[in-house]
Amino acid sequence: MENMFYINGLDSRVLGLHLGDGAIGVLGNSIEMKSFIENESRLKAGTQVIVNNPLPAARDITLSFVIKGSNRTDVYNRMQTFRGILEAGDVAISVPAVSKEVFHLVYKRSQDAGFTYGGVCTAKVSIRFTEYDPTNRS
């Protein structure tokens, strides 16, 4: 159940789409903060740092996905549907079993890791996203 998620409001199971290993950890990783304002004045010792109102920086993340289907054509069609969702640009991902947060991501690029054909046909793909505002998770 933890592997079930929503992408742009669509149940991932409809596409045979599963989060790859470590994807939930990547979504939950710590957020890097923007640099603080510093002043390196020759008139004062050391460096002045203004630390009030710290804000998070945008972050780049890579998520892996597995697409499962009953045959090669099924996997290919599901992959094309998934690519269409990604190429729209804005992607909202939520994993209800883990958190109520909705991650608002922007698609950057993908890299297909390959197809396997056996009892169940699968395709693996790694997707690069940018989360421009990590505070916007509703």
C-alpha atoms as a PDB file:
ATOM      1  CA  MET A   1       0.000   0.000   0.000  1.00  0.00           C
ATOM      2  CA  GLU A   2       2.937   2.346   0.722  1.00  0.00           C
ATOM      3  CA  ASN A   3       3.945   2.129  -2.938  1.00  0.00           C
ATOM      4  CA  MET A   4       0.564   3.500  -4.064  1.00  0.00           C
ATOM      5  CA  PHE A   5       0.667   7.185  -4.882  1.00  0.00           C
ATOM      6  CA  TYR A   6      -1.132   9.848  -6.872  1.00  0.00           C
ATOM      7  CA  ILE A   7       0.368  11.815  -9.721  1.00  0.00           C
ATOM      8  CA  ASN A   8      -1.622  14.885 -10.734  1.00  0.00           C
ATOM      9  CA  GLY A   9      -4.596  13.359  -8.919  1.00  0.00           C
ATOM     10  CA  LEU A  10      -4.435  10.099 -10.927  1.00  0.00           C
ATOM     11  CA  ASP A  11      -4.128   6.847  -8.997  1.00  0.00           C
ATOM     12  CA  SER A  12      -0.745   5.383  -9.946  1.00  0.00           C
ATOM     13  CA  ARG A  13      -2.226   1.880 -10.132  1.00  0.00           C
ATOM     14  CA  VAL A  14      -4.186   2.901 -13.240  1.00  0.00           C
ATOM     15  CA  LEU A  15      -0.864   3.262 -15.073  1.00  0.00           C
ATOM     16  CA  GLY A  16       0.789   0.260 -13.426  1.00  0.00           C
ATOM     17  CA  LEU A  17       3.172   2.840 -11.983  1.00  0.00           C
ATOM     18  CA  HIS A  18       5.176   2.166  -8.830  1.00  0.00           C
ATOM     19  CA  LEU A  19       7.706   4.249  -6.932  1.00  0.00           C
ATOM     20  CA  GLY A  20      11.199   2.860  -7.292  1.00  0.00           C
ATOM     21  CA  ASP A  21      13.552   1.995  -4.455  1.00  0.00           C
ATOM     22  CA  GLY A  22      14.334   4.970  -2.249  1.00  0.00           C
ATOM     23  CA  ALA A  23      11.815   7.355  -3.838  1.00  0.00           C
ATOM     24  CA  ILE A  24       9.937   7.975  -0.584  1.00  0.00           C
ATOM     25  CA  GLY A  25      13.219   8.735   1.164  1.00  0.00           C
ATOM     26  CA  VAL A  26      14.155  11.207  -1.560  1.00  0.00           C
ATOM     27  CA  LEU A  27      10.823  13.016  -1.202  1.00  0.00           C
ATOM     28  CA  GLY A  28      11.319  13.234   2.563  1.00  0.00           C
ATOM     29  CA  ASN A  29      14.942  14.397   2.485  1.00  0.00           C
ATOM     30  CA  SER A  30      15.921  17.507   4.386  1.00  0.00           C
ATOM     31  CA  ILE A  31      15.505  20.819   2.656  1.00  0.00           C
ATOM     32  CA  GLU A  32      18.567  22.971   2.057  1.00  0.00           C
ATOM     33  CA  MET A  33      18.305  26.569   3.204  1.00  0.00           C
ATOM     34  CA  LYS A  34      19.099  29.640   1.119  1.00  0.00           C
ATOM     35  CA  SER A  35      22.361  31.382   1.908  1.00  0.00           C
ATOM     36  CA  PHE A  36      22.192  33.949   4.656  1.00  0.00           C
ATOM     37  CA  ILE A  37      23.027  37.581   3.991  1.00  0.00           C
ATOM     38  CA  GLU A  38      26.670  38.225   4.844  1.00  0.00           C
ATOM     39  CA  ASN A  39      28.729  41.376   5.085  1.00  0.00           C
ATOM     40  CA  GLU A  40      32.496  41.135   5.008  1.00  0.00           C
ATOM     41  CA  SER A  41      33.245  44.734   6.007  1.00  0.00           C
ATOM     42  CA  ARG A  42      36.853  45.792   6.531  1.00  0.00           C
ATOM     43  CA  LEU A  43      35.568  48.133   9.232  1.00  0.00           C
ATOM     44  CA  LYS A  44      34.410  45.272  11.514  1.00  0.00           C
ATOM     45  CA  ALA A  45      36.031  42.086  12.761  1.00  0.00           C
ATOM     46  CA  GLY A  46      34.792  38.812  11.338  1.00  0.00           C
ATOM     47  CA  THR A  47      31.705  38.560   9.175  1.00  0.00           C
ATOM     48  CA  GLN A  48      28.259  39.931   9.894  1.00  0.00           C
ATOM     49  CA  VAL A  49      25.516  37.391   9.188  1.00  0.00           C
ATOM     50  CA  ILE A  50      21.823  38.165   9.140  1.00  0.00           C
ATOM     51  CA  VAL A  51      20.041  34.965  10.150  1.00  0.00           C
ATOM     52  CA  ASN A  52      16.481  36.223  10.645  1.00  0.00           C
ATOM     53  CA  ASN A  53      13.775  34.896   8.324  1.00  0.00           C
ATOM     54  CA  PRO A  54      15.574  31.777   7.028  1.00  0.00           C
ATOM     55  CA  LEU A  55      14.005  30.423   3.850  1.00  0.00           C
ATOM     56  CA  PRO A  56      14.361  27.102   2.020  1.00  0.00           C
ATOM     57  CA  ALA A  57      16.054  26.879  -1.349  1.00  0.00           C
ATOM     58  CA  ALA A  58      14.650  25.107  -4.387  1.00  0.00           C
ATOM     59  CA  ARG A  59      15.833  21.526  -4.669  1.00  0.00           C
ATOM     60  CA  ASP A  60      16.526  19.114  -7.479  1.00  0.00           C
ATOM     61  CA  ILE A  61      15.482  15.513  -6.910  1.00  0.00           C
ATOM     62  CA  THR A  62      15.594  12.317  -8.907  1.00  0.00           C
ATOM     63  CA  LEU A  63      12.839   9.760  -8.450  1.00  0.00           C
ATOM     64  CA  SER A  64      12.798   6.280  -9.900  1.00  0.00           C
ATOM     65  CA  PHE A  65       9.628   4.640 -11.154  1.00  0.00           C
ATOM     66  CA  VAL A  66       8.703   1.163 -12.357  1.00  0.00           C
ATOM     67  CA  ILE A  67       5.930   0.639 -14.886  1.00  0.00           C
ATOM     68  CA  LYS A  68       4.373  -2.817 -14.968  1.00  0.00           C
ATOM     69  CA  GLY A  69       2.191  -4.249 -17.689  1.00  0.00           C
ATOM     70  CA  SER A  70       0.896  -7.508 -19.066  1.00  0.00           C
ATOM     71  CA  ASN A  71       2.944  -7.332 -22.289  1.00  0.00           C
ATOM     72  CA  ARG A  72       5.351  -5.073 -24.215  1.00  0.00           C
ATOM     73  CA  THR A  73       2.582  -3.088 -25.869  1.00  0.00           C
ATOM     74  CA  ASP A  74       0.855  -2.496 -22.536  1.00  0.00           C
ATOM     75  CA  VAL A  75       4.095  -1.255 -20.935  1.00  0.00           C
ATOM     76  CA  TYR A  76       4.856   0.936 -23.944  1.00  0.00           C
ATOM     77  CA  ASN A  77       1.387   2.523 -23.890  1.00  0.00           C
ATOM     78  CA  ARG A  78       1.588   3.127 -20.133  1.00  0.00           C
ATOM     79  CA  MET A  79       5.049   4.671 -20.587  1.00  0.00           C
ATOM     80  CA  GLN A  80       3.682   7.024 -23.251  1.00  0.00           C
ATOM     81  CA  THR A  81       0.814   8.079 -20.970  1.00  0.00           C
ATOM     82  CA  PHE A  82       3.280   8.671 -18.125  1.00  0.00           C
ATOM     83  CA  ARG A  83       5.529  10.744 -20.411  1.00  0.00           C
ATOM     84  CA  GLY A  84       2.527  12.840 -21.410  1.00  0.00           C
ATOM     85  CA  ILE A  85       1.810  13.588 -17.747  1.00  0.00           C
ATOM     86  CA  LEU A  86       5.443  14.531 -17.156  1.00  0.00           C
ATOM     87  CA  GLU A  87       5.836  16.639 -20.277  1.00  0.00           C
ATOM     88  CA  ALA A  88       2.909  18.830 -19.218  1.00  0.00           C
ATOM     89  CA  GLY A  89       5.528  20.296 -16.848  1.00  0.00           C
ATOM     90  CA  ASP A  90       3.828  20.627 -13.477  1.00  0.00           C
ATOM     91  CA  VAL A  91       3.649  17.373 -11.542  1.00  0.00           C
ATOM     92  CA  ALA A  92       1.956  16.893  -8.162  1.00  0.00           C
ATOM     93  CA  ILE A  93       2.873  13.709  -6.298  1.00  0.00           C
ATOM     94  CA  SER A  94       1.316  12.491  -3.067  1.00  0.00           C
ATOM     95  CA  VAL A  95       1.862   9.271  -1.109  1.00  0.00           C
ATOM     96  CA  PRO A  96      -1.127   9.083   1.277  1.00  0.00           C
ATOM     97  CA  ALA A  97       0.228   6.103   3.249  1.00  0.00           C
ATOM     98  CA  VAL A  98       3.268   8.179   4.241  1.00  0.00           C
ATOM     99  CA  SER A  99       2.130  11.800   4.435  1.00  0.00           C
ATOM    100  CA  LYS A 100      -0.650  14.226   3.586  1.00  0.00           C
ATOM    101  CA  GLU A 101       1.871  16.391   1.735  1.00  0.00           C
ATOM    102  CA  VAL A 102       1.538  17.007  -1.992  1.00  0.00           C
ATOM    103  CA  PHE A 103       4.898  17.624  -3.638  1.00  0.00           C
ATOM    104  CA  HIS A 104       4.671  20.208  -6.432  1.00  0.00           C
ATOM    105  CA  LEU A 105       7.440  19.401  -8.865  1.00  0.00           C
ATOM    106  CA  VAL A 106       8.527  20.574 -12.288  1.00  0.00           C
ATOM    107  CA  TYR A 107       9.650  17.918 -14.762  1.00  0.00           C
ATOM    108  CA  LYS A 108      13.197  18.377 -16.081  1.00  0.00           C
ATOM    109  CA  ARG A 109      14.260  15.191 -17.852  1.00  0.00           C
ATOM    110  CA  SER A 110      14.072  11.431 -17.756  1.00  0.00           C
ATOM    111  CA  GLN A 111      16.353   8.517 -18.363  1.00  0.00           C
ATOM    112  CA  ASP A 112      14.969   5.119 -19.238  1.00  0.00           C
ATOM    113  CA  ALA A 113      16.840   2.400 -17.380  1.00  0.00           C
ATOM    114  CA  GLY A 114      15.459  -0.385 -19.526  1.00  0.00           C
ATOM    115  CA  PHE A 115      12.729  -2.884 -20.117  1.00  0.00           C
ATOM    116  CA  THR A 116      12.497  -6.435 -18.815  1.00  0.00           C
ATOM    117  CA  TYR A 117      10.236  -9.065 -20.234  1.00  0.00           C
ATOM    118  CA  GLY A 118       9.265 -12.144 -18.296  1.00  0.00           C
ATOM    119  CA  GLY A 119       6.077 -13.132 -16.509  1.00  0.00           C
ATOM    120  CA  VAL A 120       5.435  -9.422 -15.973  1.00  0.00           C
ATOM    121  CA  CYS A 121       6.816  -6.805 -18.338  1.00  0.00           C
ATOM    122  CA  THR A 122       8.370  -3.799 -16.640  1.00  0.00           C
ATOM    123  CA  ALA A 123      10.088  -0.558 -17.546  1.00  0.00           C
ATOM    124  CA  LYS A 124      12.311   1.390 -15.180  1.00  0.00           C
ATOM    125  CA  VAL A 125      12.798   5.113 -15.501  1.00  0.00           C
ATOM    126  CA  SER A 126      14.550   7.827 -13.483  1.00  0.00           C
ATOM    127  CA  ILE A 127      12.987  11.271 -13.535  1.00  0.00           C
ATOM    128  CA  ARG A 128      14.703  14.543 -12.625  1.00  0.00           C
ATOM    129  CA  PHE A 129      12.452  17.182 -11.021  1.00  0.00           C
ATOM    130  CA  THR A 130      12.883  20.573  -9.403  1.00  0.00           C
ATOM    131  CA  GLU A 131      10.819  21.500  -6.372  1.00  0.00           C
ATOM    132  CA  TYR A 132      10.949  25.276  -6.656  1.00  0.00           C
ATOM    133  CA  ASP A 133       9.066  26.018  -3.433  1.00  0.00           C
ATOM    134  CA  PRO A 134       9.486  23.281  -0.793  1.00  0.00           C
ATOM    135  CA  THR A 135       7.069  25.142   1.494  1.00  0.00           C
ATOM    136  CA  ASN A 136       4.210  24.609  -0.989  1.00  0.00           C
ATOM    137  CA  ARG A 137       3.130  21.080  -0.077  1.00  0.00           C
ATOM    138  CA  SER A 138      -0.621  21.303   0.133  1.00  0.00           C
END
